[in-house]
Amino acid sequence: MATLRRPLVQTFEKGNVQVDTPLIKRAYNLGLKAVPNFTTLSEDEIAFYEGNLDQLPVAVARGFIVPEPVLDFIVRVDRSVKPNYPDWMKKLMHPELELAGPAEYDLSQVEEWLHDDQKRGSVVGNTIYKHLQKGDNLATCLNLQDGLAIQAKGIAVFRKLFAGKAVFLWGSVVQNHFGSLRVPYLIENGGEVVVFWDWLDYSWRSDFPALRFSK
């Protein structure tokens, strides 16, 4: 066997690796959710692991293969408990949505929705808000309760699904004491998932999607 140069990581993901190879299947069945990174292995090294699947646990134990933690995307929300709002909040615009939504869902199945103008460039938040108020669109949006539950899942889950994005929770639009409207969003900041509030007078780009439950 050729000497491995350093610990190697490859997340098990359909579309990124050949999921039908014995090596991938064996690694996944072991619960490792990681396999050697084929771009850094020689053909001899790949052939060795393919022909010696029992060596996978050994490689993990020695640090040659570093498994990532298995991420749990199931979000559980206690809809009986109202969330805490900032002191500057004067009015919740849609109190009927404050405790709305499923008690449990798969975050990986939540839709990242964009207004058509966001797909082409940018659009003012008020325009998005007016669009979402049509029909039952706003009722499908995640709210602050969901945001706090997602925040509690930790940075690894957030990065896996929403890296480089600010995801908005349009079910919890509020008004401040000056009459301005704000909406909460989640974003990575300082290695953590944080909740911020944005004015609807600002522009939204394509990396500012709304999180919505599928209809």
C-alpha atoms as a PDB file:
ATOM      1  CA  MET A   1       0.000   0.000   0.000  1.00  0.00           C
ATOM      2  CA  ALA A   2       1.300   3.474  -0.849  1.00  0.00           C
ATOM      3  CA  THR A   3       1.776   5.781   2.124  1.00  0.00           C
ATOM      4  CA  LEU A   4      -1.073   8.243   2.524  1.00  0.00           C
ATOM      5  CA  ARG A   5       0.134  11.813   2.500  1.00  0.00           C
ATOM      6  CA  ARG A   6      -2.355  13.343   5.005  1.00  0.00           C
ATOM      7  CA  PRO A   7      -5.844  12.806   6.469  1.00  0.00           C
ATOM      8  CA  LEU A   8      -8.332  12.746   3.631  1.00  0.00           C
ATOM      9  CA  VAL A   9     -11.984  13.754   3.687  1.00  0.00           C
ATOM     10  CA  GLN A  10     -14.791  13.354   1.197  1.00  0.00           C
ATOM     11  CA  THR A  11     -18.379  13.852   2.243  1.00  0.00           C
ATOM     12  CA  PHE A  12     -20.804  11.234   0.990  1.00  0.00           C
ATOM     13  CA  GLU A  13     -23.002  13.123  -1.463  1.00  0.00           C
ATOM     14  CA  LYS A  14     -24.905  11.912  -4.487  1.00  0.00           C
ATOM     15  CA  GLY A  15     -23.805  13.827  -7.536  1.00  0.00           C
ATOM     16  CA  ASN A  16     -20.340  14.579  -6.179  1.00  0.00           C
ATOM     17  CA  VAL A  17     -18.968  11.042  -5.983  1.00  0.00           C
ATOM     18  CA  GLN A  18     -19.649   7.667  -7.533  1.00  0.00           C
ATOM     19  CA  VAL A  19     -22.146   6.282  -5.051  1.00  0.00           C
ATOM     20  CA  ASP A  20     -22.261   2.889  -6.779  1.00  0.00           C
ATOM     21  CA  THR A  21     -18.671   1.923  -6.013  1.00  0.00           C
ATOM     22  CA  PRO A  22     -18.065  -0.742  -3.326  1.00  0.00           C
ATOM     23  CA  LEU A  23     -15.809   1.659  -1.449  1.00  0.00           C
ATOM     24  CA  ILE A  24     -18.468   4.344  -1.156  1.00  0.00           C
ATOM     25  CA  LYS A  25     -21.165   1.854  -0.195  1.00  0.00           C
ATOM     26  CA  ARG A  26     -18.966   0.258   2.435  1.00  0.00           C
ATOM     27  CA  ALA A  27     -18.031   3.591   3.964  1.00  0.00           C
ATOM     28  CA  TYR A  28     -21.669   4.687   4.035  1.00  0.00           C
ATOM     29  CA  ASN A  29     -22.864   1.423   5.583  1.00  0.00           C
ATOM     30  CA  LEU A  30     -20.254   1.794   8.296  1.00  0.00           C
ATOM     31  CA  GLY A  31     -21.845   5.125   9.150  1.00  0.00           C
ATOM     32  CA  LEU A  32     -18.638   7.001   8.351  1.00  0.00           C
ATOM     33  CA  LYS A  33     -20.274   9.352   5.835  1.00  0.00           C
ATOM     34  CA  ALA A  34     -16.728   9.916   4.562  1.00  0.00           C
ATOM     35  CA  VAL A  35     -14.446   8.211   2.056  1.00  0.00           C
ATOM     36  CA  PRO A  36     -10.968   8.909   0.669  1.00  0.00           C
ATOM     37  CA  ASN A  37     -10.846  11.998  -1.501  1.00  0.00           C
ATOM     38  CA  PHE A  38     -10.284  10.493  -4.943  1.00  0.00           C
ATOM     39  CA  THR A  39      -8.695  13.694  -6.255  1.00  0.00           C
ATOM     40  CA  THR A  40      -5.804  13.335  -3.803  1.00  0.00           C
ATOM     41  CA  LEU A  41      -5.333   9.557  -3.970  1.00  0.00           C
ATOM     42  CA  SER A  42      -3.230   7.712  -6.484  1.00  0.00           C
ATOM     43  CA  GLU A  43      -4.765   4.928  -8.584  1.00  0.00           C
ATOM     44  CA  ASP A  44      -2.889   2.391  -6.438  1.00  0.00           C
ATOM     45  CA  GLU A  45      -4.363   3.830  -3.247  1.00  0.00           C
ATOM     46  CA  ILE A  46      -7.885   3.781  -4.644  1.00  0.00           C
ATOM     47  CA  ALA A  47      -7.411   0.216  -5.852  1.00  0.00           C
ATOM     48  CA  PHE A  48      -6.155  -0.821  -2.418  1.00  0.00           C
ATOM     49  CA  TYR A  49      -9.254   0.433  -0.602  1.00  0.00           C
ATOM     50  CA  GLU A  50     -11.582  -0.963  -3.259  1.00  0.00           C
ATOM     51  CA  GLY A  51      -9.997  -4.378  -2.819  1.00  0.00           C
ATOM     52  CA  ASN A  52      -9.626  -4.177   0.967  1.00  0.00           C
ATOM     53  CA  LEU A  53     -12.859  -2.710   2.287  1.00  0.00           C
ATOM     54  CA  ASP A  54     -12.145  -4.136   5.731  1.00  0.00           C
ATOM     55  CA  GLN A  55      -9.276  -1.653   5.997  1.00  0.00           C
ATOM     56  CA  LEU A  56     -11.634   1.317   6.049  1.00  0.00           C
ATOM     57  CA  PRO A  57     -12.169   1.195   9.848  1.00  0.00           C
ATOM     58  CA  VAL A  58      -8.410   0.859  10.280  1.00  0.00           C
ATOM     59  CA  ALA A  59      -7.785   3.885   8.078  1.00  0.00           C
ATOM     60  CA  VAL A  60     -10.287   5.879  10.117  1.00  0.00           C
ATOM     61  CA  ALA A  61      -8.715   4.806  13.410  1.00  0.00           C
ATOM     62  CA  ARG A  62      -5.277   5.883  12.171  1.00  0.00           C
ATOM     63  CA  GLY A  63      -6.516   9.216  10.881  1.00  0.00           C
ATOM     64  CA  PHE A  64      -6.040   8.420   7.195  1.00  0.00           C
ATOM     65  CA  ILE A  65      -9.780   8.910   6.647  1.00  0.00           C
ATOM     66  CA  VAL A  66     -11.463  11.552   8.788  1.00  0.00           C
ATOM     67  CA  PRO A  67     -15.234  11.048   8.986  1.00  0.00           C
ATOM     68  CA  GLU A  68     -17.459  14.060   9.288  1.00  0.00           C
ATOM     69  CA  PRO A  69     -20.158  13.986  11.963  1.00  0.00           C
ATOM     70  CA  VAL A  70     -23.514  12.711  10.746  1.00  0.00           C
ATOM     71  CA  LEU A  71     -25.685  15.805  10.442  1.00  0.00           C
ATOM     72  CA  ASP A  72     -29.257  15.776  11.682  1.00  0.00           C
ATOM     73  CA  PHE A  73     -31.504  17.995   9.558  1.00  0.00           C
ATOM     74  CA  ILE A  74     -34.718  17.305  11.495  1.00  0.00           C
ATOM     75  CA  VAL A  75     -35.964  20.519  13.109  1.00  0.00           C
ATOM     76  CA  ARG A  76     -38.359  20.341  16.062  1.00  0.00           C
ATOM     77  CA  VAL A  77     -40.298  23.423  17.115  1.00  0.00           C
ATOM     78  CA  ASP A  78     -42.450  23.904  20.206  1.00  0.00           C
ATOM     79  CA  ARG A  79     -45.301  25.887  18.657  1.00  0.00           C
ATOM     80  CA  SER A  80     -46.851  26.562  22.066  1.00  0.00           C
ATOM     81  CA  VAL A  81     -44.044  28.923  23.107  1.00  0.00           C
ATOM     82  CA  LYS A  82     -43.863  32.444  21.691  1.00  0.00           C
ATOM     83  CA  PRO A  83     -40.383  33.642  20.680  1.00  0.00           C
ATOM     84  CA  ASN A  84     -38.681  36.655  22.229  1.00  0.00           C
ATOM     85  CA  TYR A  85     -38.567  39.789  20.107  1.00  0.00           C
ATOM     86  CA  PRO A  86     -36.155  42.744  20.184  1.00  0.00           C
ATOM     87  CA  ASP A  87     -36.979  45.596  22.568  1.00  0.00           C
ATOM     88  CA  TRP A  88     -37.403  47.964  19.631  1.00  0.00           C
ATOM     89  CA  MET A  89     -40.348  45.986  18.224  1.00  0.00           C
ATOM     90  CA  LYS A  90     -43.678  47.796  18.392  1.00  0.00           C
ATOM     91  CA  LYS A  91     -45.991  45.508  16.411  1.00  0.00           C
ATOM     92  CA  LEU A  92     -46.011  41.998  14.980  1.00  0.00           C
ATOM     93  CA  MET A  93     -47.517  42.384  11.512  1.00  0.00           C
ATOM     94  CA  HIS A  94     -48.957  38.865  11.217  1.00  0.00           C
ATOM     95  CA  PRO A  95     -49.770  37.514  14.694  1.00  0.00           C
ATOM     96  CA  GLU A  96     -51.758  34.677  13.097  1.00  0.00           C
ATOM     97  CA  LEU A  97     -48.446  33.274  11.828  1.00  0.00           C
ATOM     98  CA  GLU A  98     -46.530  33.632  15.081  1.00  0.00           C
ATOM     99  CA  LEU A  99     -47.088  30.030  16.196  1.00  0.00           C
ATOM    100  CA  ALA A 100     -47.863  28.560  12.761  1.00  0.00           C
ATOM    101  CA  GLY A 101     -46.002  25.725  11.089  1.00  0.00           C
ATOM    102  CA  PRO A 102     -45.224  22.037  11.574  1.00  0.00           C
ATOM    103  CA  ALA A 103     -43.822  20.790  14.868  1.00  0.00           C
ATOM    104  CA  GLU A 104     -41.206  18.712  13.030  1.00  0.00           C
ATOM    105  CA  TYR A 105     -39.732  18.834   9.537  1.00  0.00           C
ATOM    106  CA  ASP A 106     -36.644  18.055   7.464  1.00  0.00           C
ATOM    107  CA  LEU A 107     -34.703  21.282   6.953  1.00  0.00           C
ATOM    108  CA  SER A 108     -33.055  19.896   3.828  1.00  0.00           C
ATOM    109  CA  GLN A 109     -36.509  19.786   2.213  1.00  0.00           C
ATOM    110  CA  VAL A 110     -37.338  23.432   2.944  1.00  0.00           C
ATOM    111  CA  GLU A 111     -37.509  25.599  -0.185  1.00  0.00           C
ATOM    112  CA  GLU A 112     -35.145  28.515  -0.803  1.00  0.00           C
ATOM    113  CA  TRP A 113     -37.490  30.879  -2.610  1.00  0.00           C
ATOM    114  CA  LEU A 114     -36.468  33.915  -4.673  1.00  0.00           C
ATOM    115  CA  HIS A 115     -38.560  36.680  -6.166  1.00  0.00           C
ATOM    116  CA  ASP A 116     -38.154  36.750  -9.959  1.00  0.00           C
ATOM    117  CA  ASP A 117     -36.308  40.071  -9.771  1.00  0.00           C
ATOM    118  CA  GLN A 118     -33.821  38.569  -7.307  1.00  0.00           C
ATOM    119  CA  LYS A 119     -32.905  35.942  -9.877  1.00  0.00           C
ATOM    120  CA  ARG A 120     -31.981  38.674 -12.355  1.00  0.00           C
ATOM    121  CA  GLY A 121     -30.329  41.088  -9.939  1.00  0.00           C
ATOM    122  CA  SER A 122     -31.868  42.644  -6.852  1.00  0.00           C
ATOM    123  CA  VAL A 123     -35.226  43.850  -5.560  1.00  0.00           C
ATOM    124  CA  VAL A 124     -36.365  45.995  -2.656  1.00  0.00           C
ATOM    125  CA  GLY A 125     -37.589  44.032   0.352  1.00  0.00           C
ATOM    126  CA  ASN A 126     -40.961  45.796   0.314  1.00  0.00           C
ATOM    127  CA  THR A 127     -41.606  44.389  -3.156  1.00  0.00           C
ATOM    128  CA  ILE A 128     -40.920  40.872  -1.925  1.00  0.00           C
ATOM    129  CA  TYR A 129     -43.190  41.455   1.061  1.00  0.00           C
ATOM    130  CA  LYS A 130     -46.085  42.655  -1.120  1.00  0.00           C
ATOM    131  CA  HIS A 131     -45.694  39.611  -3.367  1.00  0.00           C
ATOM    132  CA  LEU A 132     -45.684  37.201  -0.433  1.00  0.00           C
ATOM    133  CA  GLN A 133     -48.870  38.735   0.985  1.00  0.00           C
ATOM    134  CA  LYS A 134     -50.794  37.552  -2.064  1.00  0.00           C
ATOM    135  CA  GLY A 135     -52.774  34.356  -1.531  1.00  0.00           C
ATOM    136  CA  ASP A 136     -51.267  32.061   1.093  1.00  0.00           C
ATOM    137  CA  ASN A 137     -47.640  32.709   0.150  1.00  0.00           C
ATOM    138  CA  LEU A 138     -46.726  34.355   3.434  1.00  0.00           C
ATOM    139  CA  ALA A 139     -48.272  31.489   5.394  1.00  0.00           C
ATOM    140  CA  THR A 140     -45.784  29.099   3.800  1.00  0.00           C
ATOM    141  CA  CYS A 141     -42.785  31.105   5.023  1.00  0.00           C
ATOM    142  CA  LEU A 142     -40.777  30.087   8.059  1.00  0.00           C
ATOM    143  CA  ASN A 143     -40.980  32.406  11.056  1.00  0.00           C
ATOM    144  CA  LEU A 144     -38.834  33.483  13.998  1.00  0.00           C
ATOM    145  CA  GLN A 145     -39.724  30.309  15.908  1.00  0.00           C
ATOM    146  CA  ASP A 146     -38.233  28.292  13.063  1.00  0.00           C
ATOM    147  CA  GLY A 147     -35.196  30.530  12.910  1.00  0.00           C
ATOM    148  CA  LEU A 148     -34.396  30.010  16.582  1.00  0.00           C
ATOM    149  CA  ALA A 149     -34.822  26.247  16.200  1.00  0.00           C
ATOM    150  CA  ILE A 150     -32.518  26.224  13.154  1.00  0.00           C
ATOM    151  CA  GLN A 151     -30.005  28.337  15.053  1.00  0.00           C
ATOM    152  CA  ALA A 152     -30.005  25.718  17.807  1.00  0.00           C
ATOM    153  CA  LYS A 153     -29.025  23.035  15.253  1.00  0.00           C
ATOM    154  CA  GLY A 154     -25.594  24.628  15.058  1.00  0.00           C
ATOM    155  CA  ILE A 155     -23.220  25.971  12.449  1.00  0.00           C
ATOM    156  CA  ALA A 156     -22.421  22.640  10.761  1.00  0.00           C
ATOM    157  CA  VAL A 157     -26.037  22.116   9.678  1.00  0.00           C
ATOM    158  CA  PHE A 158     -26.377  25.741   8.589  1.00  0.00           C
ATOM    159  CA  ARG A 159     -23.183  25.671   6.536  1.00  0.00           C
ATOM    160  CA  LYS A 160     -24.167  22.428   4.860  1.00  0.00           C
ATOM    161  CA  LEU A 161     -27.457  23.874   3.594  1.00  0.00           C
ATOM    162  CA  PHE A 162     -27.024  27.651   3.482  1.00  0.00           C
ATOM    163  CA  ALA A 163     -23.305  28.477   3.296  1.00  0.00           C
ATOM    164  CA  GLY A 164     -22.699  32.006   2.032  1.00  0.00           C
ATOM    165  CA  LYS A 165     -26.361  32.994   2.292  1.00  0.00           C
ATOM    166  CA  ALA A 166     -28.659  35.010   4.512  1.00  0.00           C
ATOM    167  CA  VAL A 167     -31.966  33.140   4.799  1.00  0.00           C
ATOM    168  CA  PHE A 168     -35.068  35.153   5.596  1.00  0.00           C
ATOM    169  CA  LEU A 169     -38.013  34.317   7.844  1.00  0.00           C
ATOM    170  CA  TRP A 170     -40.859  36.297   6.292  1.00  0.00           C
ATOM    171  CA  GLY A 171     -43.480  34.841   8.624  1.00  0.00           C
ATOM    172  CA  SER A 172     -42.290  37.252  11.325  1.00  0.00           C
ATOM    173  CA  VAL A 173     -42.292  40.743   9.811  1.00  0.00           C
ATOM    174  CA  VAL A 174     -42.407  43.382  12.556  1.00  0.00           C
ATOM    175  CA  GLN A 175     -42.754  47.151  12.848  1.00  0.00           C
ATOM    176  CA  ASN A 176     -40.444  49.239  15.021  1.00  0.00           C
ATOM    177  CA  HIS A 177     -41.349  52.368  17.018  1.00  0.00           C
ATOM    178  CA  PHE A 178     -40.563  54.583  14.036  1.00  0.00           C
ATOM    179  CA  GLY A 179     -42.964  52.735  11.749  1.00  0.00           C
ATOM    180  CA  SER A 180     -40.312  50.906   9.711  1.00  0.00           C
ATOM    181  CA  LEU A 181     -40.746  47.245   8.841  1.00  0.00           C
ATOM    182  CA  ARG A 182     -38.084  44.643   9.528  1.00  0.00           C
ATOM    183  CA  VAL A 183     -37.791  40.909   8.903  1.00  0.00           C
ATOM    184  CA  PRO A 184     -35.520  38.417  10.716  1.00  0.00           C
ATOM    185  CA  TYR A 185     -32.868  36.383   8.952  1.00  0.00           C
ATOM    186  CA  LEU A 186     -30.211  33.819   9.766  1.00  0.00           C
ATOM    187  CA  ILE A 187     -26.590  34.179   8.732  1.00  0.00           C
ATOM    188  CA  GLU A 188     -23.201  32.875   9.754  1.00  0.00           C
ATOM    189  CA  ASN A 189     -21.251  35.384  11.810  1.00  0.00           C
ATOM    190  CA  GLY A 190     -18.077  34.649  13.750  1.00  0.00           C
ATOM    191  CA  GLY A 191     -18.458  30.906  13.252  1.00  0.00           C
ATOM    192  CA  GLU A 192     -21.984  30.883  14.689  1.00  0.00           C
ATOM    193  CA  VAL A 193     -25.538  31.073  13.387  1.00  0.00           C
ATOM    194  CA  VAL A 194     -27.006  34.428  14.378  1.00  0.00           C
ATOM    195  CA  VAL A 195     -30.383  36.128  14.008  1.00  0.00           C
ATOM    196  CA  PHE A 196     -30.356  39.652  12.553  1.00  0.00           C
ATOM    197  CA  TRP A 197     -33.163  41.938  11.365  1.00  0.00           C
ATOM    198  CA  ASP A 198     -33.205  43.744   8.026  1.00  0.00           C
ATOM    199  CA  TRP A 199     -35.161  46.810   6.902  1.00  0.00           C
ATOM    200  CA  LEU A 200     -37.542  46.179   4.033  1.00  0.00           C
ATOM    201  CA  ASP A 201     -36.261  49.342   2.331  1.00  0.00           C
ATOM    202  CA  TYR A 202     -33.014  47.522   1.532  1.00  0.00           C
ATOM    203  CA  SER A 203     -32.345  45.511  -1.627  1.00  0.00           C
ATOM    204  CA  TRP A 204     -32.371  41.708  -1.673  1.00  0.00           C
ATOM    205  CA  ARG A 205     -29.929  39.788  -3.878  1.00  0.00           C
ATOM    206  CA  SER A 206     -30.015  36.164  -5.016  1.00  0.00           C
ATOM    207  CA  ASP A 207     -28.123  35.095  -1.889  1.00  0.00           C
ATOM    208  CA  PHE A 208     -30.997  36.372   0.292  1.00  0.00           C
ATOM    209  CA  PRO A 209     -33.619  33.636  -0.231  1.00  0.00           C
ATOM    210  CA  ALA A 210     -36.803  33.234   1.761  1.00  0.00           C
ATOM    211  CA  LEU A 211     -37.244  29.913   3.515  1.00  0.00           C
ATOM    212  CA  ARG A 212     -40.616  28.359   2.696  1.00  0.00           C
ATOM    213  CA  PHE A 213     -42.367  25.088   3.333  1.00  0.00           C
ATOM    214  CA  SER A 214     -43.354  23.237   0.183  1.00  0.00           C
ATOM    215  CA  LYS A 215     -47.025  23.582  -0.644  1.00  0.00           C
END
